[in-house]
Protein backbone atom coordinates (compact mmCIF):
# COMPACT_ATOMS: atom_id res chain seq x y z
CA MET A 1 16.55 -34.35 8.70
CA SER A 2 14.42 -31.53 10.13
CA LEU A 3 13.42 -28.56 8.00
CA ALA A 4 15.76 -25.61 7.50
CA VAL A 5 14.39 -22.16 6.65
CA ALA A 6 16.59 -20.33 4.13
CA SER A 7 16.28 -16.76 2.93
CA VAL A 8 18.31 -14.11 1.15
CA ALA A 9 19.96 -12.16 3.96
CA SER A 10 18.26 -8.84 3.34
CA HIS A 11 14.96 -7.01 3.75
CA SER A 12 12.80 -9.11 6.13
CA ALA A 13 15.26 -11.98 6.66
CA LEU A 14 15.91 -11.23 10.33
CA ASP A 15 12.21 -11.64 11.07
CA VAL A 16 12.16 -14.92 9.11
CA PHE A 17 15.15 -16.35 10.99
CA ASP A 18 14.04 -15.13 14.41
CA GLY A 19 10.60 -16.69 13.94
CA ALA A 20 12.05 -19.96 12.66
CA LYS A 21 14.29 -20.31 15.72
CA ASP A 22 11.34 -19.59 18.03
CA GLU A 23 9.71 -22.68 16.51
CA GLY A 24 12.85 -24.81 16.71
CA LEU A 25 13.70 -24.84 12.99
CA ARG A 26 17.18 -24.57 11.53
CA THR A 27 18.11 -21.37 9.67
CA ILE A 28 20.32 -20.66 6.65
CA ALA A 29 21.22 -17.11 5.60
CA ILE A 30 22.13 -16.65 1.93
CA CYS A 31 24.47 -13.66 2.19
CA ARG A 32 26.24 -11.45 -0.30
CA LYS A 33 29.91 -10.83 0.51
CA GLY A 34 30.21 -7.55 2.35
CA ARG A 35 26.69 -7.80 3.78
CA GLU A 36 27.15 -10.84 6.03
CA ARG A 37 28.47 -9.29 9.28
CA ILE A 38 25.22 -9.07 11.24
CA TYR A 39 24.24 -12.59 10.18
CA THR A 40 27.55 -14.21 11.12
CA ALA A 41 27.40 -12.38 14.47
CA CYS A 42 23.94 -13.75 15.33
CA ARG A 43 25.17 -17.28 16.07
CA GLU A 44 22.21 -18.10 18.29
CA THR A 45 19.77 -17.26 15.49
CA ILE A 46 21.60 -18.12 12.26
CA ASP A 47 22.79 -21.72 12.02
CA ARG A 48 24.62 -21.34 8.74
CA CYS A 49 25.67 -18.57 6.37
CA LEU A 50 26.23 -19.18 2.68
CA VAL A 51 28.38 -16.22 1.59
CA LEU A 52 28.15 -15.57 -2.16
CA SER A 53 29.84 -12.97 -4.33
CA ASP A 54 26.50 -12.38 -6.07
CA TYR A 55 22.96 -13.38 -5.07
CA LYS A 56 22.47 -14.88 -8.52
CA GLU A 57 24.79 -17.70 -7.45
CA MET A 58 21.99 -19.15 -5.32
CA VAL A 59 20.49 -20.75 -8.45
CA SER A 60 23.81 -22.39 -9.37
CA PRO A 61 23.79 -26.22 -9.20
CA GLU A 62 26.38 -26.26 -6.40
CA ILE A 63 24.53 -23.90 -4.04
CA GLN A 64 21.16 -25.47 -4.78
CA GLU A 65 22.55 -28.92 -4.04
CA ARG A 66 23.78 -27.73 -0.65
CA LEU A 67 20.39 -26.22 0.17
CA ILE A 68 18.54 -29.37 -0.93
CA GLU A 69 20.88 -31.56 1.14
CA ASP A 70 20.03 -29.39 4.15
CA ASN A 71 16.29 -30.01 3.56
CA SER A 72 15.80 -26.29 3.01
CA VAL A 73 12.67 -24.32 2.24
CA ILE A 74 13.31 -20.82 0.86
CA VAL A 75 11.24 -17.88 2.09
CA PRO A 76 11.39 -15.28 -0.73
CA ASN A 77 11.73 -11.55 -0.20
CA ARG A 78 12.07 -8.46 -2.38
CA SER A 79 15.86 -8.65 -2.53
CA MET A 80 15.70 -12.20 -3.85
CA ALA A 81 13.25 -11.13 -6.57
CA VAL A 82 15.33 -8.11 -7.60
CA TYR A 83 18.84 -9.53 -7.43
CA VAL A 84 18.22 -13.10 -8.61
CA GLY A 85 15.48 -12.21 -11.11
CA TYR A 86 12.00 -13.54 -11.79
CA THR A 87 12.91 -15.85 -14.68
CA PRO A 88 15.79 -17.66 -12.88
CA ILE A 89 13.56 -18.08 -9.82
CA GLU A 90 10.72 -19.53 -11.89
CA ARG A 91 12.81 -21.58 -14.32
CA ASP A 92 16.05 -22.58 -12.58
CA LEU A 93 15.37 -22.68 -8.86
CA ARG A 94 14.82 -26.31 -7.75
CA VAL A 95 14.92 -25.67 -4.00
CA PRO A 96 11.33 -25.58 -2.65
CA VAL A 97 9.97 -22.06 -2.12
CA PHE A 98 7.38 -21.33 0.56
CA GLY A 99 4.54 -19.60 -1.27
CA ASN A 100 3.83 -19.03 -4.93
CA LYS A 101 7.11 -17.96 -6.58
CA PHE A 102 5.24 -17.21 -9.81
CA LEU A 103 3.44 -14.33 -8.09
CA LEU A 104 6.66 -12.42 -7.41
CA ARG A 105 6.71 -10.76 -10.83
CA TRP A 106 3.15 -9.47 -10.28
CA GLU A 107 4.64 -6.74 -8.06
CA GLU A 108 5.67 -4.80 -11.17
CA ARG A 109 3.65 -2.00 -12.75
CA THR A 110 4.35 -2.96 -16.36
CA GLY A 111 4.01 -6.09 -18.49
CA ASP A 112 1.11 -8.52 -18.71
CA LYS A 113 1.57 -9.60 -15.10
CA ASN A 114 1.31 -6.47 -12.95
CA TYR A 115 -0.28 -5.56 -9.67
CA TYR A 116 -2.75 -3.12 -11.23
CA ARG A 117 -4.34 -6.11 -12.94
CA LEU A 118 -4.36 -8.06 -9.66
CA LEU A 119 -6.05 -5.22 -7.79
CA ASP A 120 -8.63 -4.68 -10.54
CA GLU A 121 -9.42 -8.40 -10.60
CA ALA A 122 -9.89 -8.24 -6.81
CA ARG A 123 -12.14 -5.14 -7.08
CA VAL A 124 -9.75 -3.22 -4.82
CA ARG A 125 -9.62 0.57 -5.13
CA ARG A 126 -6.33 1.97 -6.41
CA PRO A 127 -5.14 5.33 -7.79
CA ALA A 128 -5.87 5.94 -11.47
CA SER A 129 -2.82 5.28 -13.64
CA TRP A 130 -1.61 6.21 -17.12
CA ARG A 131 1.47 5.87 -19.27
CA VAL A 132 3.45 9.08 -18.82
CA GLU A 133 2.57 10.47 -22.24
CA GLU A 134 -1.12 9.75 -21.64
CA ALA A 135 -1.38 11.23 -18.14
CA ARG A 136 -4.12 13.73 -17.38
CA THR A 137 -3.11 17.36 -17.52
CA ASP A 138 -5.41 18.60 -14.72
CA THR A 139 -4.48 16.44 -11.73
CA PRO A 140 -1.49 16.05 -9.37
CA LEU A 141 0.66 13.04 -10.29
CA ILE A 142 3.28 10.75 -8.82
CA LEU A 143 5.75 8.77 -10.89
CA LYS A 144 7.35 5.71 -9.27
CA ILE A 145 10.38 4.55 -11.18
CA GLN A 146 13.47 2.45 -10.53
CA GLU A 147 16.47 4.50 -9.45
CA SER A 148 19.57 4.52 -11.60
CA GLY A 149 22.11 2.00 -10.26
CA ARG A 150 19.91 0.88 -7.36
CA PRO A 151 17.42 -1.72 -8.59
CA GLN A 152 15.97 -2.26 -5.13
CA GLU A 153 15.04 1.43 -4.73
CA ARG A 154 12.36 3.47 -6.46
CA ALA A 155 12.55 7.17 -7.19
CA PHE A 156 9.35 9.14 -6.56
CA ILE A 157 8.62 12.20 -8.67
CA ILE A 158 5.66 14.28 -7.45
CA ALA A 159 4.19 16.84 -9.83
CA SER A 160 1.29 19.28 -9.78
CA ASN A 161 0.29 18.39 -13.36
CA LYS A 162 1.57 16.78 -16.56
CA ASP A 163 3.74 19.74 -17.62
CA ASP A 164 5.33 19.85 -14.19
CA LEU A 165 5.93 16.10 -14.40
CA TYR A 166 7.80 16.44 -17.70
CA SER A 167 9.94 19.21 -16.23
CA LYS A 168 10.84 17.14 -13.17
CA ILE A 169 11.56 14.04 -15.27
CA SER A 170 14.03 16.10 -17.34
CA ASP A 171 15.70 17.31 -14.16
CA ALA A 172 15.94 13.77 -12.74
CA LEU A 173 17.48 12.53 -15.99
CA ARG A 174 20.00 15.37 -15.99
CA ARG A 175 21.01 14.60 -12.38
CA GLY A 176 21.35 10.88 -13.07
CA ILE A 177 18.63 9.86 -10.61
CA ILE A 178 16.80 7.90 -13.33
CA GLU A 179 17.69 6.70 -16.82
CA GLU A 180 15.84 6.71 -20.13
CA GLU A 181 15.67 2.91 -20.06
CA GLN A 182 13.72 2.92 -16.78
CA LEU A 183 11.44 5.63 -18.16
CA ARG A 184 10.22 3.45 -21.02
CA GLY A 185 6.85 2.02 -20.04
CA ALA A 186 6.81 3.94 -16.74
CA VAL A 187 3.40 4.57 -15.21
CA ALA A 188 2.19 7.82 -13.67
CA GLU A 189 -0.43 7.60 -10.94
CA GLU A 190 -3.02 10.01 -9.65
CA LEU A 191 -1.63 11.51 -6.44
CA VAL A 192 -3.99 10.49 -3.63
CA LEU A 193 -3.48 12.02 -0.19
CA GLY A 194 -4.24 9.98 2.89
CA ALA A 195 -2.73 8.21 5.89
CA HIS A 196 -0.29 5.46 4.93
CA PHE A 197 -0.50 1.91 6.28
CA ASN A 198 1.06 -1.43 5.35
CA ILE A 199 -1.27 -4.31 6.22
CA ASN A 200 0.59 -7.60 6.64
CA TYR A 201 -1.66 -10.57 5.85
CA PHE A 202 -1.11 -14.31 5.97
CA TYR A 203 -3.09 -16.90 4.02
CA SER A 204 -2.85 -20.21 5.85
CA VAL A 205 -3.10 -23.39 3.76
CA ALA A 206 -3.04 -25.49 6.95
CA ARG A 207 -6.03 -23.70 8.49
CA GLY A 208 -7.74 -22.59 5.28
CA ARG A 209 -8.18 -18.96 6.27
CA LEU A 210 -6.85 -15.44 5.89
CA GLU A 211 -5.27 -13.68 8.88
CA ILE A 212 -4.21 -10.09 9.52
CA LEU A 213 -0.98 -10.31 11.49
CA SER A 214 0.26 -6.74 11.80
CA ILE A 215 0.24 -3.20 10.47
CA ASP A 216 3.21 -0.87 10.06
CA ARG A 217 4.23 2.42 8.49
CA ARG A 218 7.35 3.38 6.55
CA ILE A 219 10.12 5.68 7.73
CA GLN A 220 11.53 7.38 4.64
CA SER A 221 14.58 9.56 4.10
CA ASN A 222 14.92 12.45 3.59
CA LEU A 223 11.14 12.96 3.80
CA ASP A 224 11.13 12.09 7.52
CA GLY A 225 13.84 14.61 8.30
CA LEU A 226 12.20 17.33 6.22
CA LEU A 227 8.85 16.87 7.95
CA HIS A 228 10.51 17.31 11.35
CA LEU A 229 11.53 20.85 10.43
CA PRO A 230 9.25 23.84 11.09
CA ALA A 231 7.26 24.84 7.98
CA ARG A 232 9.19 28.10 7.44
CA HIS A 233 12.47 26.17 7.23
CA GLN A 234 10.97 23.66 4.81
CA LEU A 235 10.00 26.53 2.50
CA GLN A 236 13.33 28.33 2.84
CA LEU A 237 15.50 25.29 2.14
CA GLU A 238 13.69 24.25 -1.06
CA LEU A 239 15.17 20.76 -0.82
CA SER A 240 14.35 17.91 -3.19
CA VAL A 241 12.37 15.24 -1.40
CA SER A 242 13.37 11.58 -1.66
CA MET A 243 11.44 8.70 -0.13
CA VAL A 244 14.06 6.00 0.41
CA GLU A 245 12.67 3.40 2.79
CA VAL A 246 15.01 3.17 5.80
CA GLY A 247 12.80 1.63 8.49
CA HIS A 248 9.30 0.88 9.75
CA MET A 249 7.22 1.52 12.84
CA PRO A 250 4.22 -0.41 14.19
CA ALA A 251 0.77 1.14 13.71
CA THR A 252 -2.87 0.30 14.30
CA LEU A 253 -5.88 0.89 12.08
CA ARG A 254 -9.21 2.29 13.20
CA GLU A 255 -11.32 -0.70 14.22
CA SER A 256 -14.22 0.19 11.92
CA LEU A 257 -11.83 -0.07 8.94
CA LEU A 258 -10.73 -3.62 9.71
CA GLU A 259 -13.84 -5.13 8.10
CA GLU A 260 -12.98 -3.65 4.70
CA ALA A 261 -9.27 -4.38 5.18
CA TYR A 262 -10.05 -8.06 5.81
CA SER A 263 -12.54 -8.27 2.93
CA MET A 264 -10.01 -6.60 0.64
CA GLY A 265 -7.43 -9.24 1.60
CA GLU A 266 -9.89 -12.06 0.90
CA ARG A 267 -10.70 -10.65 -2.54
CA PHE A 268 -6.99 -10.33 -3.27
CA VAL A 269 -6.39 -13.99 -2.39
CA GLU A 270 -9.29 -15.10 -4.61
CA ALA A 271 -8.09 -12.93 -7.52
CA SER A 272 -4.56 -14.32 -7.26
CA ARG A 273 -5.95 -17.85 -7.53
CA ARG A 274 -7.69 -16.97 -10.78
CA LEU A 275 -4.75 -15.14 -12.33
CA GLU A 276 -1.77 -17.16 -11.05
CA PRO A 277 -2.82 -20.52 -9.53
CA PRO A 278 -2.49 -21.64 -6.79
CA GLY A 279 -2.62 -17.98 -5.76
CA VAL A 280 -1.29 -16.39 -2.59
CA ILE A 281 0.23 -18.75 -0.03
CA GLY A 282 1.53 -17.39 3.26
CA PRO A 283 2.47 -13.72 3.72
CA PHE A 284 1.60 -10.73 1.56
CA THR A 285 1.24 -7.01 2.15
CA LEU A 286 -1.14 -4.38 0.81
CA GLN A 287 0.16 -0.84 1.13
CA LEU A 288 -2.75 1.55 1.33
CA LEU A 289 -3.95 5.06 1.97
CA VAL A 290 -6.91 5.94 4.16
CA THR A 291 -8.59 9.08 2.83
CA PRO A 292 -10.54 11.60 4.95
CA ASP A 293 -13.80 9.95 3.85
CA LEU A 294 -12.40 6.62 5.13
CA GLN A 295 -11.80 5.03 1.74
CA LEU A 296 -9.04 2.42 1.58
CA ILE A 297 -6.97 2.86 -1.59
CA VAL A 298 -4.12 0.43 -2.29
CA TYR A 299 -1.08 2.01 -3.92
CA ASP A 300 1.43 -0.88 -3.78
CA VAL A 301 1.54 -4.64 -3.29
CA ALA A 302 4.03 -7.17 -1.92
CA THR A 303 3.21 -10.74 -2.94
CA ARG A 304 5.65 -12.11 -0.33
CA ILE A 305 6.79 -11.12 3.16
CA GLY A 306 6.98 -7.34 3.51
CA GLY A 307 9.99 -5.47 4.87
CA GLY A 308 7.92 -3.83 7.57
CA THR A 309 7.43 -7.13 9.39
CA ASN A 310 10.83 -6.60 11.04
CA ALA A 311 9.05 -3.99 13.20
CA HIS A 312 7.22 -6.87 14.91
CA MET A 313 10.17 -9.26 15.24
CA GLY A 314 10.21 -10.90 18.65
CA ILE A 315 7.14 -9.07 19.99
CA GLY A 316 4.59 -10.28 17.44
CA GLY A 317 1.99 -8.46 15.38
CA GLN A 318 -0.77 -6.37 16.98
CA TYR A 319 -3.55 -8.39 15.33
CA SER A 320 -2.02 -11.89 15.26
CA LYS A 321 -3.26 -12.61 18.78
CA LEU A 322 -6.86 -12.31 17.58
CA PHE A 323 -6.28 -15.32 15.32
CA LEU A 324 -3.67 -17.33 17.25
CA ARG A 325 -4.26 -16.29 20.88
CA LYS A 326 -0.65 -15.18 21.18
CA PRO A 327 1.30 -12.37 19.51
CA VAL A 328 3.20 -13.82 16.57
CA SER A 329 5.53 -12.16 14.05
CA THR A 330 5.22 -12.95 10.35
CA GLY A 331 8.48 -14.89 10.54
CA ARG A 332 7.16 -17.06 13.35
CA ARG A 333 3.80 -17.47 11.58
CA ILE A 334 5.66 -18.89 8.57
CA ALA A 335 7.49 -21.36 10.81
CA ILE A 336 4.24 -22.41 12.51
CA GLU A 337 2.66 -23.03 9.11
CA LEU A 338 5.61 -25.08 7.88
CA LYS A 339 5.56 -27.26 11.00
CA GLU A 340 1.80 -27.83 10.88
CA LEU A 341 1.83 -28.81 7.22
CA ASP A 342 4.90 -31.01 7.70
CA ARG A 343 3.21 -32.89 10.57
CA GLU A 344 0.11 -33.42 8.44
CA GLY A 345 2.11 -34.58 5.40
CA ARG A 346 0.80 -31.60 3.41
CA LEU A 347 3.95 -29.50 3.08
CA SER A 348 3.95 -29.74 -0.71
CA GLU A 349 0.64 -27.80 -0.79
CA ALA A 350 2.47 -24.64 0.30
CA LEU A 351 5.57 -25.00 -1.86
CA THR A 352 6.40 -24.11 -5.48
């Protein structure tokens, strides 16, 4: 039986399924009840929908058996990591996963396995960070913390200094935006100002090289709406700013910065091999700031396909043509990799 590409029906799944169909592979959407409508409607793109009451059911023996019988390979995304959980994915999931499933937990900011450690190992610049109680008192800060009741979303608290941060944390607790439990072990970062970019990379096992496929930027609410108002209205309204990710738009990076962006990606791949063998396989994203003096500073990491890749679905990434001689989305690049490795009898090299 030919390969089927399965993914949790959220985040970047549409890109995954669209790219798989472009390469003639079968597709399976693992849906949560109430979120399946778009996937059941796309009959030409989605071959099968598994509708579950809870995403955690995907590691149940029954669902796994169905996926294995379909010769499925799972492409992980952020929703899978959040809703299923790192430990069940690592310990209980028997269905092959494209990429290194043990790297998923490295996206966190706390614990022994965290992306600060990955970036430091890769010698990649990042904002300075401290536990909240140890934060510097003389620098602007940003606190990124899980929202109350929405594990897939992060609240962002921006403060002019440590005292201001404590005041805004108290206000967020009072309003129920965050909870004390999420605050334990939270990390405050130095607030760095610069232009935001998400660089979507792909490490190919089949071709033994790193590729830059695309670059995008986030659209965030209500920040996007606030910034569209004239400055005098922004000041008069005195609204609280949230940065909930609601979409992405394609972007390009100044050509002279691509050398460092590529080198940074290579160092990240090498560091991941040392810290969590076999390291990065397939897609990953580095979210970075470009400062006025043209420094690239990474402020977040996705060790799997990034949500912004949907911005390139169907049309392909701006930079993928440089490597593949045709514009290819991340979803299609995954499918190409799976087919090449399958033909060569090397598929197991890219699975965990």
